[in-house]
Amino acid sequence: MANPATSAVPARASKAPEAGAVVATRRRRRYSLLTRRDKVLIILMVGIPLTLDILLIWGPTLASVLLSFTDWQGIGTVTAQNIVGLKNYKTLFTGYAFFWPAVEHNLIWLAFLAFIATPLGMLLAVLLDRELRGKRIYQSVFFLPVVLPLVVVGFIWELQYAPSDGFINNAFGLVKSGKIIDWLGNPSINIYSALIATSWRHIGYIMVLYLAGLKSVDPSLREAAKVDGATEVQTFFNVVLPVMAPINVIIVVVTAIEALRAFDLAYIFNHGTNGLELLSILITNNSISEASLIGFGSAIAVVLLVISLVPIIVFLSRAMRAQA
């Protein structure tokens, strides 16, 4: 006859693994918060944008950096014989006649937008922030150049600047007097002609950004300043402007980026020559034109990228500091 004590031990031992498996299954079910469909959706939502970002942004950027150390001309594959080290950068800074004038023109572009066009856009925003009759019409009129294609903007201003048939020379009587000014052909003034056309579009863009920021200012702050006897000018500079510091930073960054990536109107007017050389146009002329100096054009692109990173880093550091 079997001993009950000895027969009970194997029974408990046989049940122990089954209990452990049940506990493990429950734990897996407990911590599995996402279904298979959720995981697929997350992969698609994160994977597709990340893949496009790598292929369209970081891939070409890294390729430009690598190509800047070569003399590749776009024919065949890049080999070890194409590697020239820092030769492109040395030629760019010391032997390329158009580089430093292009840098100077970009700086002039930045100064004009920063100290003339952007303040005018802010002034229009302040004026339209008041209770004016028909201000919606004014906003639409000033914002219209922003929505126009740049080709159309360039065509409009070419008609204004035309030597004999243009509006400006005829309006000032320069055609009748025989003192015609070639606004786009004279290398000493054509950059300012292009800047006026650019500002026509830039002012409306800044106006909309700043007007949106003004709408977010608490009206009680202005009322308190008015009760304290402050004028409208004092209220704006001492109350409204400090409150709009985040918008001001965004506007500064946008203005800097607009100046650094300037290309369209200068290229439309005279293909970026005869006093309208810009860094972006030098990249195009060296990389895409008949010269096909892909490596040298990539070096210019890398320099422009490094310069462009400065306002972007300032903006991101300011934004992160505000969130901290």
C-alpha atoms as a PDB file:
ATOM      1  CA  MET A   1       0.000   0.000   0.000  1.00  0.00           C
ATOM      2  CA  ALA A   2       1.389   3.388  -0.988  1.00  0.00           C
ATOM      3  CA  ASN A   3       2.357   5.909   1.612  1.00  0.00           C
ATOM      4  CA  PRO A   4       0.067   9.012   1.384  1.00  0.00           C
ATOM      5  CA  ALA A   5       2.907  11.299   2.388  1.00  0.00           C
ATOM      6  CA  THR A   6       5.189  10.141  -0.382  1.00  0.00           C
ATOM      7  CA  SER A   7       2.458  10.191  -3.014  1.00  0.00           C
ATOM      8  CA  ALA A   8       1.473  13.790  -2.191  1.00  0.00           C
ATOM      9  CA  VAL A   9       4.953  15.181  -2.956  1.00  0.00           C
ATOM     10  CA  PRO A  10       4.977  14.327  -6.683  1.00  0.00           C
ATOM     11  CA  ALA A  11       1.465  15.748  -6.997  1.00  0.00           C
ATOM     12  CA  ARG A  12       2.555  19.128  -5.625  1.00  0.00           C
ATOM     13  CA  ALA A  13       5.687  19.071  -7.745  1.00  0.00           C
ATOM     14  CA  SER A  14       3.692  18.434 -10.883  1.00  0.00           C
ATOM     15  CA  LYS A  15       1.363  21.354 -10.164  1.00  0.00           C
ATOM     16  CA  ALA A  16       4.177  23.879  -9.473  1.00  0.00           C
ATOM     17  CA  PRO A  17       5.300  24.389 -13.104  1.00  0.00           C
ATOM     18  CA  GLU A  18       1.715  24.903 -14.205  1.00  0.00           C
ATOM     19  CA  ALA A  19       1.237  27.621 -11.578  1.00  0.00           C
ATOM     20  CA  GLY A  20       4.489  29.343 -12.661  1.00  0.00           C
ATOM     21  CA  ALA A  21       3.384  29.346 -16.287  1.00  0.00           C
ATOM     22  CA  VAL A  22       0.042  30.937 -15.351  1.00  0.00           C
ATOM     23  CA  VAL A  23       1.803  33.683 -13.358  1.00  0.00           C
ATOM     24  CA  ALA A  24       4.210  34.386 -16.222  1.00  0.00           C
ATOM     25  CA  THR A  25       1.313  34.558 -18.678  1.00  0.00           C
ATOM     26  CA  ARG A  26      -0.544  36.988 -16.432  1.00  0.00           C
ATOM     27  CA  ARG A  27       2.554  39.185 -16.146  1.00  0.00           C
ATOM     28  CA  ARG A  28       2.969  39.273 -19.892  1.00  0.00           C
ATOM     29  CA  ARG A  29      -0.669  40.214 -20.295  1.00  0.00           C
ATOM     30  CA  ARG A  30      -0.391  42.828 -17.565  1.00  0.00           C
ATOM     31  CA  TYR A  31       2.559  44.651 -19.150  1.00  0.00           C
ATOM     32  CA  SER A  32       1.458  44.321 -22.776  1.00  0.00           C
ATOM     33  CA  LEU A  33      -0.334  47.676 -23.032  1.00  0.00           C
ATOM     34  CA  LEU A  34      -0.176  47.960 -26.844  1.00  0.00           C
ATOM     35  CA  THR A  35      -1.879  45.703 -29.307  1.00  0.00           C
ATOM     36  CA  ARG A  36      -0.205  44.555 -32.496  1.00  0.00           C
ATOM     37  CA  ARG A  37      -2.212  47.143 -34.435  1.00  0.00           C
ATOM     38  CA  ASP A  38      -1.003  49.903 -32.100  1.00  0.00           C
ATOM     39  CA  LYS A  39       2.601  48.858 -32.612  1.00  0.00           C
ATOM     40  CA  VAL A  40       2.189  48.840 -36.387  1.00  0.00           C
ATOM     41  CA  LEU A  41       0.638  52.319 -36.300  1.00  0.00           C
ATOM     42  CA  ILE A  42       3.474  53.662 -34.129  1.00  0.00           C
ATOM     43  CA  ILE A  43       6.075  52.191 -36.456  1.00  0.00           C
ATOM     44  CA  LEU A  44       4.363  53.759 -39.457  1.00  0.00           C
ATOM     45  CA  MET A  45       3.841  57.142 -37.787  1.00  0.00           C
ATOM     46  CA  VAL A  46       7.418  57.358 -36.555  1.00  0.00           C
ATOM     47  CA  GLY A  47       9.230  55.329 -39.168  1.00  0.00           C
ATOM     48  CA  ILE A  48       7.888  57.008 -42.318  1.00  0.00           C
ATOM     49  CA  PRO A  49       8.606  60.633 -41.221  1.00  0.00           C
ATOM     50  CA  LEU A  50      12.014  59.597 -39.865  1.00  0.00           C
ATOM     51  CA  THR A  51      12.870  57.828 -43.117  1.00  0.00           C
ATOM     52  CA  LEU A  52      11.791  60.833 -45.195  1.00  0.00           C
ATOM     53  CA  ASP A  53      13.754  63.154 -42.891  1.00  0.00           C
ATOM     54  CA  ILE A  54      16.898  61.071 -43.329  1.00  0.00           C
ATOM     55  CA  LEU A  55      16.489  60.693 -47.100  1.00  0.00           C
ATOM     56  CA  LEU A  56      15.493  64.275 -47.902  1.00  0.00           C
ATOM     57  CA  ILE A  57      17.348  66.338 -45.280  1.00  0.00           C
ATOM     58  CA  TRP A  58      20.124  64.595 -43.397  1.00  0.00           C
ATOM     59  CA  GLY A  59      21.171  62.389 -46.299  1.00  0.00           C
ATOM     60  CA  PRO A  60      21.791  65.268 -48.743  1.00  0.00           C
ATOM     61  CA  THR A  61      23.364  67.339 -45.958  1.00  0.00           C
ATOM     62  CA  LEU A  62      25.857  64.623 -45.083  1.00  0.00           C
ATOM     63  CA  ALA A  63      26.499  63.999 -48.791  1.00  0.00           C
ATOM     64  CA  SER A  64      27.260  67.708 -49.307  1.00  0.00           C
ATOM     65  CA  VAL A  65      29.719  67.697 -46.421  1.00  0.00           C
ATOM     66  CA  LEU A  66      31.516  64.646 -47.817  1.00  0.00           C
ATOM     67  CA  LEU A  67      31.510  65.950 -51.396  1.00  0.00           C
ATOM     68  CA  SER A  68      33.004  69.257 -50.240  1.00  0.00           C
ATOM     69  CA  PHE A  69      36.297  67.398 -49.700  1.00  0.00           C
ATOM     70  CA  THR A  70      36.367  66.144 -53.301  1.00  0.00           C
ATOM     71  CA  ASP A  71      36.765  67.567 -56.802  1.00  0.00           C
ATOM     72  CA  TRP A  72      33.912  65.463 -58.179  1.00  0.00           C
ATOM     73  CA  GLN A  73      32.227  66.955 -61.258  1.00  0.00           C
ATOM     74  CA  GLY A  74      29.101  64.823 -61.292  1.00  0.00           C
ATOM     75  CA  ILE A  75      30.363  62.240 -63.774  1.00  0.00           C
ATOM     76  CA  GLY A  76      30.935  58.652 -62.682  1.00  0.00           C
ATOM     77  CA  THR A  77      31.403  57.584 -59.094  1.00  0.00           C
ATOM     78  CA  VAL A  78      33.423  59.234 -56.366  1.00  0.00           C
ATOM     79  CA  THR A  79      36.785  57.488 -55.940  1.00  0.00           C
ATOM     80  CA  ALA A  80      39.824  58.007 -53.755  1.00  0.00           C
ATOM     81  CA  GLN A  81      41.407  60.057 -56.544  1.00  0.00           C
ATOM     82  CA  ASN A  82      38.643  62.659 -56.181  1.00  0.00           C
ATOM     83  CA  ILE A  83      39.495  63.400 -52.541  1.00  0.00           C
ATOM     84  CA  VAL A  84      41.293  66.763 -52.268  1.00  0.00           C
ATOM     85  CA  GLY A  85      40.933  67.468 -48.550  1.00  0.00           C
ATOM     86  CA  LEU A  86      40.552  71.156 -47.676  1.00  0.00           C
ATOM     87  CA  LYS A  87      41.550  72.410 -51.121  1.00  0.00           C
ATOM     88  CA  ASN A  88      38.016  73.578 -51.966  1.00  0.00           C
ATOM     89  CA  TYR A  89      37.768  75.599 -48.758  1.00  0.00           C
ATOM     90  CA  LYS A  90      41.213  77.103 -49.282  1.00  0.00           C
ATOM     91  CA  THR A  91      40.296  78.128 -52.819  1.00  0.00           C
ATOM     92  CA  LEU A  92      36.952  79.449 -51.618  1.00  0.00           C
ATOM     93  CA  PHE A  93      38.424  81.717 -48.939  1.00  0.00           C
ATOM     94  CA  THR A  94      41.566  82.856 -50.739  1.00  0.00           C
ATOM     95  CA  GLY A  95      41.212  82.397 -54.508  1.00  0.00           C
ATOM     96  CA  TYR A  96      37.529  82.680 -55.468  1.00  0.00           C
ATOM     97  CA  ALA A  97      36.796  86.263 -56.449  1.00  0.00           C
ATOM     98  CA  PHE A  98      33.009  86.078 -56.000  1.00  0.00           C
ATOM     99  CA  PHE A  99      32.929  84.625 -52.478  1.00  0.00           C
ATOM    100  CA  TRP A 100      33.602  87.657 -50.298  1.00  0.00           C
ATOM    101  CA  PRO A 101      31.390  89.980 -52.407  1.00  0.00           C
ATOM    102  CA  ALA A 102      28.607  87.404 -52.018  1.00  0.00           C
ATOM    103  CA  VAL A 103      29.144  87.362 -48.235  1.00  0.00           C
ATOM    104  CA  GLU A 104      29.002  91.165 -48.226  1.00  0.00           C
ATOM    105  CA  HIS A 105      25.781  91.143 -50.247  1.00  0.00           C
ATOM    106  CA  ASN A 106      24.197  88.638 -47.865  1.00  0.00           C
ATOM    107  CA  LEU A 107      25.145  90.861 -44.931  1.00  0.00           C
ATOM    108  CA  ILE A 108      23.644  93.897 -46.685  1.00  0.00           C
ATOM    109  CA  TRP A 109      20.525  91.806 -47.329  1.00  0.00           C
ATOM    110  CA  LEU A 110      20.368  90.884 -43.635  1.00  0.00           C
ATOM    111  CA  ALA A 111      20.910  94.470 -42.440  1.00  0.00           C
ATOM    112  CA  PHE A 112      18.249  95.866 -44.785  1.00  0.00           C
ATOM    113  CA  LEU A 113      15.644  93.310 -43.728  1.00  0.00           C
ATOM    114  CA  ALA A 114      16.535  93.556 -40.025  1.00  0.00           C
ATOM    115  CA  PHE A 115      16.638  97.346 -39.665  1.00  0.00           C
ATOM    116  CA  ILE A 116      14.200  98.536 -42.347  1.00  0.00           C
ATOM    117  CA  ALA A 117      11.765  95.874 -43.578  1.00  0.00           C
ATOM    118  CA  THR A 118      11.146  94.063 -40.284  1.00  0.00           C
ATOM    119  CA  PRO A 119      10.519  97.259 -38.229  1.00  0.00           C
ATOM    120  CA  LEU A 120       8.099  98.432 -40.931  1.00  0.00           C
ATOM    121  CA  GLY A 121       6.216  95.144 -40.690  1.00  0.00           C
ATOM    122  CA  MET A 122       6.055  95.500 -36.905  1.00  0.00           C
ATOM    123  CA  LEU A 123       4.835  99.096 -37.250  1.00  0.00           C
ATOM    124  CA  LEU A 124       2.052  98.025 -39.594  1.00  0.00           C
ATOM    125  CA  ALA A 125       1.058  95.298 -37.132  1.00  0.00           C
ATOM    126  CA  VAL A 126       0.859  97.817 -34.278  1.00  0.00           C
ATOM    127  CA  LEU A 127      -1.251 100.183 -36.377  1.00  0.00           C
ATOM    128  CA  LEU A 128      -3.609  97.437 -37.543  1.00  0.00           C
ATOM    129  CA  ASP A 129      -3.973  96.118 -34.005  1.00  0.00           C
ATOM    130  CA  ARG A 130      -6.123  99.133 -33.243  1.00  0.00           C
ATOM    131  CA  GLU A 131      -9.850  99.349 -33.902  1.00  0.00           C
ATOM    132  CA  LEU A 132      -9.559 100.749 -37.412  1.00  0.00           C
ATOM    133  CA  ARG A 133     -12.314 100.882 -39.963  1.00  0.00           C
ATOM    134  CA  GLY A 134     -11.669  98.412 -42.776  1.00  0.00           C
ATOM    135  CA  LYS A 135      -8.545  96.944 -41.161  1.00  0.00           C
ATOM    136  CA  ARG A 136      -9.360  93.532 -42.656  1.00  0.00           C
ATOM    137  CA  ILE A 137      -8.976  95.072 -46.091  1.00  0.00           C
ATOM    138  CA  TYR A 138      -5.644  96.638 -45.122  1.00  0.00           C
ATOM    139  CA  GLN A 139      -4.398  93.315 -43.764  1.00  0.00           C
ATOM    140  CA  SER A 140      -5.346  91.560 -46.993  1.00  0.00           C
ATOM    141  CA  VAL A 141      -3.647  94.218 -49.122  1.00  0.00           C
ATOM    142  CA  PHE A 142      -0.398  94.100 -47.158  1.00  0.00           C
ATOM    143  CA  PHE A 143      -0.419  90.305 -46.979  1.00  0.00           C
ATOM    144  CA  LEU A 144      -1.157  89.798 -50.684  1.00  0.00           C
ATOM    145  CA  PRO A 145       2.548  89.853 -51.781  1.00  0.00           C
ATOM    146  CA  VAL A 146       3.254  86.971 -49.392  1.00  0.00           C
ATOM    147  CA  VAL A 147       0.876  84.608 -51.173  1.00  0.00           C
ATOM    148  CA  LEU A 148       2.047  85.591 -54.658  1.00  0.00           C
ATOM    149  CA  PRO A 149       4.602  83.270 -56.308  1.00  0.00           C
ATOM    150  CA  LEU A 150       8.082  84.742 -56.323  1.00  0.00           C
ATOM    151  CA  VAL A 151       8.156  84.550 -60.116  1.00  0.00           C
ATOM    152  CA  VAL A 152       5.119  86.835 -60.222  1.00  0.00           C
ATOM    153  CA  VAL A 153       6.725  89.176 -57.682  1.00  0.00           C
ATOM    154  CA  GLY A 154       9.867  89.345 -59.807  1.00  0.00           C
ATOM    155  CA  PHE A 155       7.847  90.015 -62.962  1.00  0.00           C
ATOM    156  CA  ILE A 156       5.892  92.808 -61.246  1.00  0.00           C
ATOM    157  CA  TRP A 157       9.054  94.562 -60.114  1.00  0.00           C
ATOM    158  CA  GLU A 158      10.767  94.107 -63.448  1.00  0.00           C
ATOM    159  CA  LEU A 159       7.886  96.095 -64.919  1.00  0.00           C
ATOM    160  CA  GLN A 160       8.379  98.782 -62.272  1.00  0.00           C
ATOM    161  CA  TYR A 161      12.130  98.988 -62.860  1.00  0.00           C
ATOM    162  CA  ALA A 162      12.122  98.813 -66.688  1.00  0.00           C
ATOM    163  CA  PRO A 163      14.360 101.639 -68.015  1.00  0.00           C
ATOM    164  CA  SER A 164      12.053 103.141 -70.653  1.00  0.00           C
ATOM    165  CA  ASP A 165       8.627 101.634 -70.023  1.00  0.00           C
ATOM    166  CA  GLY A 166       8.848 101.174 -66.244  1.00  0.00           C
ATOM    167  CA  PHE A 167       6.543 102.930 -63.841  1.00  0.00           C
ATOM    168  CA  ILE A 168       9.273 104.426 -61.625  1.00  0.00           C
ATOM    169  CA  ASN A 169      11.288 106.197 -64.319  1.00  0.00           C
ATOM    170  CA  ASN A 170       8.119 107.515 -65.931  1.00  0.00           C
ATOM    171  CA  ALA A 171       6.570 108.592 -62.622  1.00  0.00           C
ATOM    172  CA  PHE A 172       9.624 110.680 -61.724  1.00  0.00           C
ATOM    173  CA  GLY A 173       9.933 112.101 -65.237  1.00  0.00           C
ATOM    174  CA  LEU A 174      13.316 110.498 -65.839  1.00  0.00           C
ATOM    175  CA  VAL A 175      12.320 109.235 -69.284  1.00  0.00           C
ATOM    176  CA  LYS A 176      11.290 112.679 -70.543  1.00  0.00           C
ATOM    177  CA  SER A 177      14.388 114.328 -69.115  1.00  0.00           C
ATOM    178  CA  GLY A 178      16.648 111.679 -70.630  1.00  0.00           C
ATOM    179  CA  LYS A 179      18.118 110.777 -67.207  1.00  0.00           C
ATOM    180  CA  ILE A 180      16.994 107.159 -67.269  1.00  0.00           C
ATOM    181  CA  ILE A 181      18.205 105.000 -64.381  1.00  0.00           C
ATOM    182  CA  ASP A 182      18.881 101.332 -65.050  1.00  0.00           C
ATOM    183  CA  TRP A 183      17.692 100.079 -61.688  1.00  0.00           C
ATOM    184  CA  LEU A 184      18.545  96.420 -62.327  1.00  0.00           C
ATOM    185  CA  GLY A 185      21.579  96.908 -64.591  1.00  0.00           C
ATOM    186  CA  ASN A 186      23.660  99.263 -62.488  1.00  0.00           C
ATOM    187  CA  PRO A 187      25.805  97.128 -60.122  1.00  0.00           C
ATOM    188  CA  SER A 188      26.002  99.901 -57.538  1.00  0.00           C
ATOM    189  CA  ILE A 189      22.224 100.151 -57.001  1.00  0.00           C
ATOM    190  CA  ASN A 190      20.659  96.918 -58.267  1.00  0.00           C
ATOM    191  CA  ILE A 191      21.038  95.147 -54.922  1.00  0.00           C
ATOM    192  CA  TYR A 192      18.952  97.863 -53.255  1.00  0.00           C
ATOM    193  CA  SER A 193      16.383  97.585 -56.037  1.00  0.00           C
ATOM    194  CA  ALA A 194      16.156  93.858 -55.338  1.00  0.00           C
ATOM    195  CA  LEU A 195      15.919  94.550 -51.600  1.00  0.00           C
ATOM    196  CA  ILE A 196      12.948  96.872 -52.088  1.00  0.00           C
ATOM    197  CA  ALA A 197      11.174  94.126 -54.015  1.00  0.00           C
ATOM    198  CA  THR A 198      12.074  91.608 -51.304  1.00  0.00           C
ATOM    199  CA  SER A 199      10.892  93.955 -48.557  1.00  0.00           C
ATOM    200  CA  TRP A 200       7.542  94.377 -50.306  1.00  0.00           C
ATOM    201  CA  ARG A 201       6.958  90.707 -49.609  1.00  0.00           C
ATOM    202  CA  HIS A 202       8.801  90.448 -46.280  1.00  0.00           C
ATOM    203  CA  ILE A 203       6.905  93.300 -44.616  1.00  0.00           C
ATOM    204  CA  GLY A 204       3.545  91.560 -45.015  1.00  0.00           C
ATOM    205  CA  TYR A 205       4.936  88.314 -43.613  1.00  0.00           C
ATOM    206  CA  ILE A 206       6.343  90.015 -40.501  1.00  0.00           C
ATOM    207  CA  MET A 207       3.139  92.017 -40.106  1.00  0.00           C
ATOM    208  CA  VAL A 208       1.013  88.850 -39.858  1.00  0.00           C
ATOM    209  CA  LEU A 209       3.412  87.183 -37.393  1.00  0.00           C
ATOM    210  CA  TYR A 210       3.582  90.225 -35.147  1.00  0.00           C
ATOM    211  CA  LEU A 211      -0.132  90.915 -35.362  1.00  0.00           C
ATOM    212  CA  ALA A 212      -0.823  87.384 -34.132  1.00  0.00           C
ATOM    213  CA  GLY A 213       1.531  88.018 -31.214  1.00  0.00           C
ATOM    214  CA  LEU A 214      -0.148  91.312 -30.343  1.00  0.00           C
ATOM    215  CA  LYS A 215      -3.527  89.570 -30.152  1.00  0.00           C
ATOM    216  CA  SER A 216      -2.144  87.297 -27.421  1.00  0.00           C
ATOM    217  CA  VAL A 217      -1.125  90.186 -25.117  1.00  0.00           C
ATOM    218  CA  ASP A 218      -3.356  90.529 -22.079  1.00  0.00           C
ATOM    219  CA  PRO A 219      -5.442  93.745 -22.490  1.00  0.00           C
ATOM    220  CA  SER A 220      -5.315  94.353 -18.737  1.00  0.00           C
ATOM    221  CA  LEU A 221      -1.597  95.135 -19.006  1.00  0.00           C
ATOM    222  CA  ARG A 222      -2.271  98.014 -21.367  1.00  0.00           C
ATOM    223  CA  GLU A 223      -5.139  99.242 -19.238  1.00  0.00           C
ATOM    224  CA  ALA A 224      -2.927  99.223 -16.139  1.00  0.00           C
ATOM    225  CA  ALA A 225      -0.222 101.170 -17.979  1.00  0.00           C
ATOM    226  CA  LYS A 226      -2.827 103.667 -19.188  1.00  0.00           C
ATOM    227  CA  VAL A 227      -4.105 104.145 -15.623  1.00  0.00           C
ATOM    228  CA  ASP A 228      -0.527 104.828 -14.509  1.00  0.00           C
ATOM    229  CA  GLY A 229      -0.327 107.633 -17.059  1.00  0.00           C
ATOM    230  CA  ALA A 230       1.892 105.957 -19.661  1.00  0.00           C
ATOM    231  CA  THR A 231       1.615 107.061 -23.266  1.00  0.00           C
ATOM    232  CA  GLU A 232       1.016 104.601 -26.114  1.00  0.00           C
ATOM    233  CA  VAL A 233       4.689 104.664 -27.045  1.00  0.00           C
ATOM    234  CA  GLN A 234       5.774 104.059 -23.447  1.00  0.00           C
ATOM    235  CA  THR A 235       3.217 101.285 -23.086  1.00  0.00           C
ATOM    236  CA  PHE A 236       4.488  99.537 -26.196  1.00  0.00           C
ATOM    237  CA  PHE A 237       8.199  99.670 -25.359  1.00  0.00           C
ATOM    238  CA  ASN A 238       7.896  99.107 -21.592  1.00  0.00           C
ATOM    239  CA  VAL A 239       4.975  96.675 -21.412  1.00  0.00           C
ATOM    240  CA  VAL A 240       4.003  95.103 -24.732  1.00  0.00           C
ATOM    241  CA  LEU A 241       7.474  94.571 -26.218  1.00  0.00           C
ATOM    242  CA  PRO A 242       8.917  92.710 -23.176  1.00  0.00           C
ATOM    243  CA  VAL A 243       5.819  90.475 -23.012  1.00  0.00           C
ATOM    244  CA  MET A 244       6.284  89.581 -26.696  1.00  0.00           C
ATOM    245  CA  ALA A 245       9.887  88.442 -26.247  1.00  0.00           C
ATOM    246  CA  PRO A 246       9.220  84.932 -27.698  1.00  0.00           C
ATOM    247  CA  ILE A 247       7.618  86.442 -30.824  1.00  0.00           C
ATOM    248  CA  ASN A 248      10.515  88.869 -31.148  1.00  0.00           C
ATOM    249  CA  VAL A 249      13.001  86.000 -31.118  1.00  0.00           C
ATOM    250  CA  ILE A 250      11.021  84.149 -33.796  1.00  0.00           C
ATOM    251  CA  ILE A 251      10.934  87.267 -35.981  1.00  0.00           C
ATOM    252  CA  VAL A 252      14.689  87.788 -35.626  1.00  0.00           C
ATOM    253  CA  VAL A 253      15.365  84.168 -36.585  1.00  0.00           C
ATOM    254  CA  VAL A 254      12.945  84.311 -39.530  1.00  0.00           C
ATOM    255  CA  THR A 255      14.582  87.518 -40.770  1.00  0.00           C
ATOM    256  CA  ALA A 256      18.065  86.008 -40.531  1.00  0.00           C
ATOM    257  CA  ILE A 257      17.025  82.856 -42.372  1.00  0.00           C
ATOM    258  CA  GLU A 258      15.257  84.878 -45.081  1.00  0.00           C
ATOM    259  CA  ALA A 259      18.420  86.910 -45.639  1.00  0.00           C
ATOM    260  CA  LEU A 260      20.720  83.888 -45.752  1.00  0.00           C
ATOM    261  CA  ARG A 261      18.577  81.865 -48.140  1.00  0.00           C
ATOM    262  CA  ALA A 262      17.873  84.796 -50.466  1.00  0.00           C
ATOM    263  CA  PHE A 263      17.947  83.549 -54.041  1.00  0.00           C
ATOM    264  CA  ASP A 264      14.774  83.844 -56.084  1.00  0.00           C
ATOM    265  CA  LEU A 265      14.435  87.540 -56.890  1.00  0.00           C
ATOM    266  CA  ALA A 266      18.162  88.076 -57.404  1.00  0.00           C
ATOM    267  CA  TYR A 267      18.249  85.163 -59.829  1.00  0.00           C
ATOM    268  CA  ILE A 268      15.096  86.315 -61.623  1.00  0.00           C
ATOM    269  CA  PHE A 269      16.412  89.851 -62.133  1.00  0.00           C
ATOM    270  CA  ASN A 270      19.843  89.089 -63.634  1.00  0.00           C
ATOM    271  CA  HIS A 271      20.786  85.521 -62.660  1.00  0.00           C
ATOM    272  CA  GLY A 272      22.697  86.758 -59.631  1.00  0.00           C
ATOM    273  CA  THR A 273      25.419  88.597 -61.544  1.00  0.00           C
ATOM    274  CA  ASN A 274      26.533  92.201 -61.999  1.00  0.00           C
ATOM    275  CA  GLY A 275      26.378  93.115 -58.317  1.00  0.00           C
ATOM    276  CA  LEU A 276      23.749  90.627 -57.172  1.00  0.00           C
ATOM    277  CA  GLU A 277      26.034  87.737 -56.228  1.00  0.00           C
ATOM    278  CA  LEU A 278      24.734  85.801 -53.220  1.00  0.00           C
ATOM    279  CA  LEU A 279      25.982  82.620 -51.559  1.00  0.00           C
ATOM    280  CA  SER A 280      22.949  80.639 -52.675  1.00  0.00           C
ATOM    281  CA  ILE A 281      23.484  81.755 -56.272  1.00  0.00           C
ATOM    282  CA  LEU A 282      27.158  80.790 -56.144  1.00  0.00           C
ATOM    283  CA  ILE A 283      26.096  77.298 -55.077  1.00  0.00           C
ATOM    284  CA  THR A 284      23.744  77.069 -58.055  1.00  0.00           C
ATOM    285  CA  ASN A 285      26.235  78.481 -60.553  1.00  0.00           C
ATOM    286  CA  ASN A 286      28.982  76.064 -59.508  1.00  0.00           C
ATOM    287  CA  SER A 287      26.921  72.926 -58.949  1.00  0.00           C
ATOM    288  CA  ILE A 288      24.153  72.962 -61.528  1.00  0.00           C
ATOM    289  CA  SER A 289      25.593  75.054 -64.336  1.00  0.00           C
ATOM    290  CA  GLU A 290      27.892  73.900 -67.133  1.00  0.00           C
ATOM    291  CA  ALA A 291      30.865  74.072 -64.760  1.00  0.00           C
ATOM    292  CA  SER A 292      29.540  71.069 -62.771  1.00  0.00           C
ATOM    293  CA  LEU A 293      31.930  71.740 -59.897  1.00  0.00           C
ATOM    294  CA  ILE A 294      29.916  69.633 -57.472  1.00  0.00           C
ATOM    295  CA  GLY A 295      32.674  69.443 -54.862  1.00  0.00           C
ATOM    296  CA  PHE A 296      33.382  73.168 -54.899  1.00  0.00           C
ATOM    297  CA  GLY A 297      29.681  74.038 -54.845  1.00  0.00           C
ATOM    298  CA  SER A 298      29.208  71.674 -51.905  1.00  0.00           C
ATOM    299  CA  ALA A 299      31.927  73.553 -49.997  1.00  0.00           C
ATOM    300  CA  ILE A 300      29.986  76.806 -50.456  1.00  0.00           C
ATOM    301  CA  ALA A 301      26.815  75.009 -49.328  1.00  0.00           C
ATOM    302  CA  VAL A 302      28.545  73.783 -46.164  1.00  0.00           C
ATOM    303  CA  VAL A 303      29.723  77.314 -45.339  1.00  0.00           C
ATOM    304  CA  LEU A 304      26.181  78.625 -45.813  1.00  0.00           C
ATOM    305  CA  LEU A 305      24.847  75.770 -43.661  1.00  0.00           C
ATOM    306  CA  VAL A 306      27.219  76.615 -40.812  1.00  0.00           C
ATOM    307  CA  ILE A 307      26.230  80.276 -40.978  1.00  0.00           C
ATOM    308  CA  SER A 308      22.527  79.369 -41.051  1.00  0.00           C
ATOM    309  CA  LEU A 309      22.865  77.160 -37.989  1.00  0.00           C
ATOM    310  CA  VAL A 310      23.679  80.187 -35.808  1.00  0.00           C
ATOM    311  CA  PRO A 311      20.157  81.709 -35.741  1.00  0.00           C
ATOM    312  CA  ILE A 312      18.592  78.249 -35.574  1.00  0.00           C
ATOM    313  CA  ILE A 313      20.667  77.315 -32.509  1.00  0.00           C
ATOM    314  CA  VAL A 314      19.814  80.658 -30.890  1.00  0.00           C
ATOM    315  CA  PHE A 315      16.119  80.026 -31.469  1.00  0.00           C
ATOM    316  CA  LEU A 316      16.207  76.454 -30.161  1.00  0.00           C
ATOM    317  CA  SER A 317      18.230  77.389 -27.067  1.00  0.00           C
ATOM    318  CA  ARG A 318      15.803  80.210 -26.310  1.00  0.00           C
ATOM    319  CA  ALA A 319      12.787  77.941 -26.796  1.00  0.00           C
ATOM    320  CA  MET A 320      14.234  75.204 -24.562  1.00  0.00           C
ATOM    321  CA  ARG A 321      15.153  77.754 -21.916  1.00  0.00           C
ATOM    322  CA  ALA A 322      11.583  79.050 -21.916  1.00  0.00           C
ATOM    323  CA  GLN A 323      10.184  75.524 -21.473  1.00  0.00           C
ATOM    324  CA  ALA A 324      12.609  74.634 -18.637  1.00  0.00           C
END
